[in-house]
Amino acid sequence: MVYILLGEGFEEIEALAPVDILRRAGIAVETVGLSGRAVTGSHGITVQCDVTIDEITQEGADMLILPGGSKGVESIKACAGAIALIEAFMEKRKLIAAICAAPALLAELGLIGGLRAVVYPGLEDVLENAGVRVQPDEHVTQDHNIITAQAAGSAVDFSLKLVTVLRGWYASEKVRTAIHYHGNERSLT
């Protein structure tokens, strides 16, 4: 099971792209509302979550995903149950994936010092101050059990990386081909 934490103000594409792509790969995913089942993202899209933070346990969970959006990350930071879950995942070396501003939260919690990571441009100093080795030329990176991604524009690459980590390259490639995703190399001009 993969849990995606949704706090008020979350960045929609950073949460929903992983839900979509992981489910296309046959991976069980549940959206987890921090303030109830209905949670509204930063662009006014309300998501009806599968469960609330009080209804989940870490037993049987393979990965925890933290989408960004500054208000969404603040919502996660303000939720004692979410922080306890993040810390428990880290203690047990379970997979944690964070995108946009969410890697900064992991750094502030003192959980990723010494690791390589990426973060939303402009927040690199938060990671550096926590001893994280920022990878400015990467959009998605993994170090041990931590997977980080830069921003909303990295949401599909981030999601495909999560499939690769959970089910292997072939499963990720199958989804990438099915959605006709051509990656960052394709020119939009």
Protein backbone atom coordinates (compact mmCIF):
# COMPACT_ATOMS: atom_id res chain seq x y z
CA MET A 1 0.00 0.00 0.00
CA VAL A 2 1.14 3.52 -0.81
CA TYR A 3 -0.22 6.48 1.15
CA ILE A 4 -0.31 10.03 -0.23
CA LEU A 5 -0.78 12.67 2.47
CA LEU A 6 -3.11 15.51 1.44
CA GLY A 7 -3.27 18.62 3.58
CA GLU A 8 -5.25 21.74 2.72
CA GLY A 9 -3.42 23.64 -0.03
CA PHE A 10 -1.58 20.64 -1.51
CA GLU A 11 -0.28 20.96 -5.10
CA GLU A 12 -2.78 18.95 -7.13
CA ILE A 13 -0.56 17.68 -9.95
CA GLU A 14 2.10 16.54 -7.47
CA ALA A 15 -0.50 14.42 -5.65
CA LEU A 16 -2.78 13.24 -8.43
CA ALA A 17 -0.13 12.34 -11.03
CA PRO A 18 1.34 9.75 -8.63
CA VAL A 19 -2.13 8.39 -7.81
CA ASP A 20 -2.93 7.98 -11.50
CA ILE A 21 0.41 6.54 -12.59
CA LEU A 22 0.81 4.18 -9.64
CA ARG A 23 -2.71 2.84 -10.14
CA ARG A 24 -2.02 2.32 -13.87
CA ALA A 25 0.90 0.14 -12.72
CA GLY A 26 -1.42 -1.90 -10.49
CA ILE A 27 -0.05 -0.46 -7.25
CA ALA A 28 -2.48 0.05 -4.37
CA VAL A 29 -2.64 3.74 -3.46
CA GLU A 30 -4.78 5.59 -0.95
CA THR A 31 -5.12 9.33 -0.60
CA VAL A 32 -5.02 10.34 3.06
CA GLY A 33 -6.85 13.46 4.21
CA LEU A 34 -5.21 15.25 7.10
CA SER A 35 -8.22 17.42 7.95
CA GLY A 36 -11.03 15.06 6.92
CA ARG A 37 -11.98 13.23 3.75
CA ALA A 38 -12.54 16.31 1.57
CA VAL A 39 -9.31 18.27 1.06
CA THR A 40 -8.91 21.28 -1.23
CA GLY A 41 -5.68 21.84 -3.14
CA SER A 42 -3.85 25.05 -3.95
CA HIS A 43 -5.82 25.56 -7.18
CA GLY A 44 -9.25 25.00 -5.71
CA ILE A 45 -9.64 21.33 -6.66
CA THR A 46 -11.29 19.37 -3.87
CA VAL A 47 -10.34 15.71 -3.57
CA GLN A 48 -12.45 13.15 -1.77
CA CYS A 49 -9.74 11.15 0.04
CA ASP A 50 -9.87 7.40 0.47
CA VAL A 51 -9.10 7.57 4.21
CA THR A 52 -8.17 10.04 6.92
CA ILE A 53 -4.88 10.17 8.81
CA ASP A 54 -6.60 8.60 11.86
CA GLU A 55 -7.68 5.56 9.84
CA ILE A 56 -4.30 4.33 8.63
CA THR A 57 -1.48 2.33 10.10
CA GLN A 58 2.01 1.81 8.76
CA GLU A 59 1.69 -1.98 8.78
CA GLY A 60 1.56 -3.18 5.20
CA ALA A 61 2.52 0.24 3.85
CA ASP A 62 5.31 0.29 1.27
CA MET A 63 5.67 4.02 0.64
CA LEU A 64 4.60 7.41 1.92
CA ILE A 65 4.27 10.28 -0.59
CA LEU A 66 4.38 13.94 0.43
CA PRO A 67 3.19 16.33 -2.29
CA GLY A 68 4.25 19.95 -2.21
CA GLY A 69 2.46 23.23 -2.33
CA SER A 70 3.63 25.53 0.45
CA LYS A 71 0.26 25.51 2.21
CA GLY A 72 -0.03 21.75 1.78
CA VAL A 73 3.38 21.22 3.35
CA GLU A 74 2.43 23.56 6.20
CA SER A 75 -0.70 21.42 6.70
CA ILE A 76 1.46 18.30 6.94
CA LYS A 77 3.83 20.05 9.35
CA ALA A 78 0.89 21.07 11.58
CA CYS A 79 -0.54 17.52 11.74
CA ALA A 80 0.94 15.54 14.63
CA GLY A 81 -0.31 12.25 13.13
CA ALA A 82 1.42 12.98 9.82
CA ILE A 83 4.71 13.88 11.50
CA ALA A 84 4.57 10.72 13.62
CA LEU A 85 3.91 8.64 10.48
CA ILE A 86 6.81 10.26 8.59
CA GLU A 87 9.17 9.68 11.51
CA ALA A 88 8.03 6.05 11.87
CA PHE A 89 8.60 5.42 8.15
CA MET A 90 12.07 6.92 8.42
CA GLU A 91 12.93 4.92 11.53
CA LYS A 92 11.96 1.68 9.77
CA ARG A 93 13.74 2.76 6.54
CA LYS A 94 10.50 2.55 4.56
CA LEU A 95 10.24 4.50 1.31
CA ILE A 96 9.37 8.19 1.56
CA ALA A 97 8.83 10.25 -1.58
CA ALA A 98 8.64 14.04 -1.40
CA ILE A 99 8.21 16.62 -4.15
CA CYS A 100 8.46 20.42 -4.41
CA ALA A 101 8.50 21.99 -0.92
CA ALA A 102 8.04 18.66 0.89
CA PRO A 103 11.77 17.73 0.87
CA ALA A 104 12.33 20.93 2.89
CA LEU A 105 10.00 19.53 5.56
CA LEU A 106 12.05 16.33 5.72
CA ALA A 107 15.18 18.46 6.11
CA GLU A 108 13.59 20.61 8.84
CA LEU A 109 12.67 17.43 10.72
CA GLY A 110 16.34 16.39 10.59
CA LEU A 111 15.56 13.22 8.64
CA ILE A 112 17.67 13.55 5.49
CA GLY A 113 20.96 15.10 6.59
CA GLY A 114 23.87 13.69 4.59
CA LEU A 115 21.63 12.41 1.79
CA ARG A 116 21.33 13.66 -1.79
CA ALA A 117 18.03 15.40 -2.60
CA VAL A 118 16.30 17.99 -4.73
CA VAL A 119 13.73 20.60 -3.76
CA TYR A 120 11.69 23.42 -5.25
CA PRO A 121 14.10 26.06 -6.62
CA GLY A 122 14.70 28.72 -3.99
CA LEU A 123 14.48 26.32 -1.04
CA GLU A 124 17.92 24.79 -1.50
CA ASP A 125 19.27 26.66 1.53
CA VAL A 126 16.79 24.84 3.81
CA LEU A 127 18.26 21.53 2.68
CA GLU A 128 21.86 22.74 2.76
CA ASN A 129 21.42 24.09 6.31
CA ALA A 130 20.29 20.60 7.35
CA GLY A 131 23.36 18.97 5.79
CA VAL A 132 21.57 17.67 2.71
CA ARG A 133 23.58 17.40 -0.51
CA VAL A 134 21.40 19.31 -2.97
CA GLN A 135 21.46 18.07 -6.58
CA PRO A 136 20.61 21.23 -8.57
CA ASP A 137 20.90 19.60 -12.00
CA GLU A 138 18.46 16.77 -11.27
CA HIS A 139 14.66 16.78 -11.38
CA VAL A 140 14.22 13.53 -9.44
CA THR A 141 16.74 11.77 -7.25
CA GLN A 142 16.89 8.85 -4.85
CA ASP A 143 19.23 8.27 -1.93
CA HIS A 144 18.57 5.17 0.16
CA ASN A 145 14.85 5.15 1.04
CA ILE A 146 14.25 8.81 0.14
CA ILE A 147 13.01 9.89 -3.31
CA THR A 148 12.74 13.62 -3.98
CA ALA A 149 11.62 15.71 -6.92
CA GLN A 150 11.90 19.36 -7.80
CA ALA A 151 8.43 20.74 -8.63
CA ALA A 152 5.11 20.31 -10.42
CA GLY A 153 6.90 20.04 -13.78
CA SER A 154 8.63 16.91 -12.48
CA ALA A 155 5.40 15.17 -11.41
CA VAL A 156 5.29 12.58 -14.21
CA ASP A 157 9.01 11.76 -13.97
CA PHE A 158 8.61 11.53 -10.18
CA SER A 159 5.63 9.20 -10.54
CA LEU A 160 7.38 6.94 -13.03
CA LYS A 161 10.40 6.77 -10.69
CA LEU A 162 8.06 5.61 -7.91
CA VAL A 163 6.75 2.82 -10.16
CA THR A 164 10.34 1.83 -10.98
CA VAL A 165 11.25 1.66 -7.29
CA LEU A 166 8.14 -0.33 -6.35
CA ARG A 167 7.72 -2.61 -9.40
CA GLY A 168 10.81 -2.28 -11.57
CA TRP A 169 11.82 -0.61 -14.80
CA TYR A 170 9.61 -2.76 -17.02
CA ALA A 171 6.43 -1.76 -15.15
CA SER A 172 7.44 1.90 -15.32
CA GLU A 173 8.24 1.66 -19.03
CA LYS A 174 4.91 -0.03 -19.69
CA VAL A 175 3.04 2.89 -18.09
CA ARG A 176 5.25 5.50 -19.78
CA THR A 177 4.54 3.95 -23.17
CA ALA A 178 0.80 3.61 -22.48
CA ILE A 179 0.45 7.30 -21.64
CA HIS A 180 2.74 8.33 -24.53
CA TYR A 181 5.04 10.26 -22.21
CA HIS A 182 8.21 11.43 -23.92
CA GLY A 183 9.99 13.05 -21.00
CA ASN A 184 11.96 16.21 -20.62
CA GLU A 185 13.88 15.79 -23.87
CA ARG A 186 10.91 16.50 -26.12
CA SER A 187 10.86 20.03 -27.49
CA LEU A 188 7.65 21.95 -27.03
CA THR A 189 8.52 24.54 -29.70
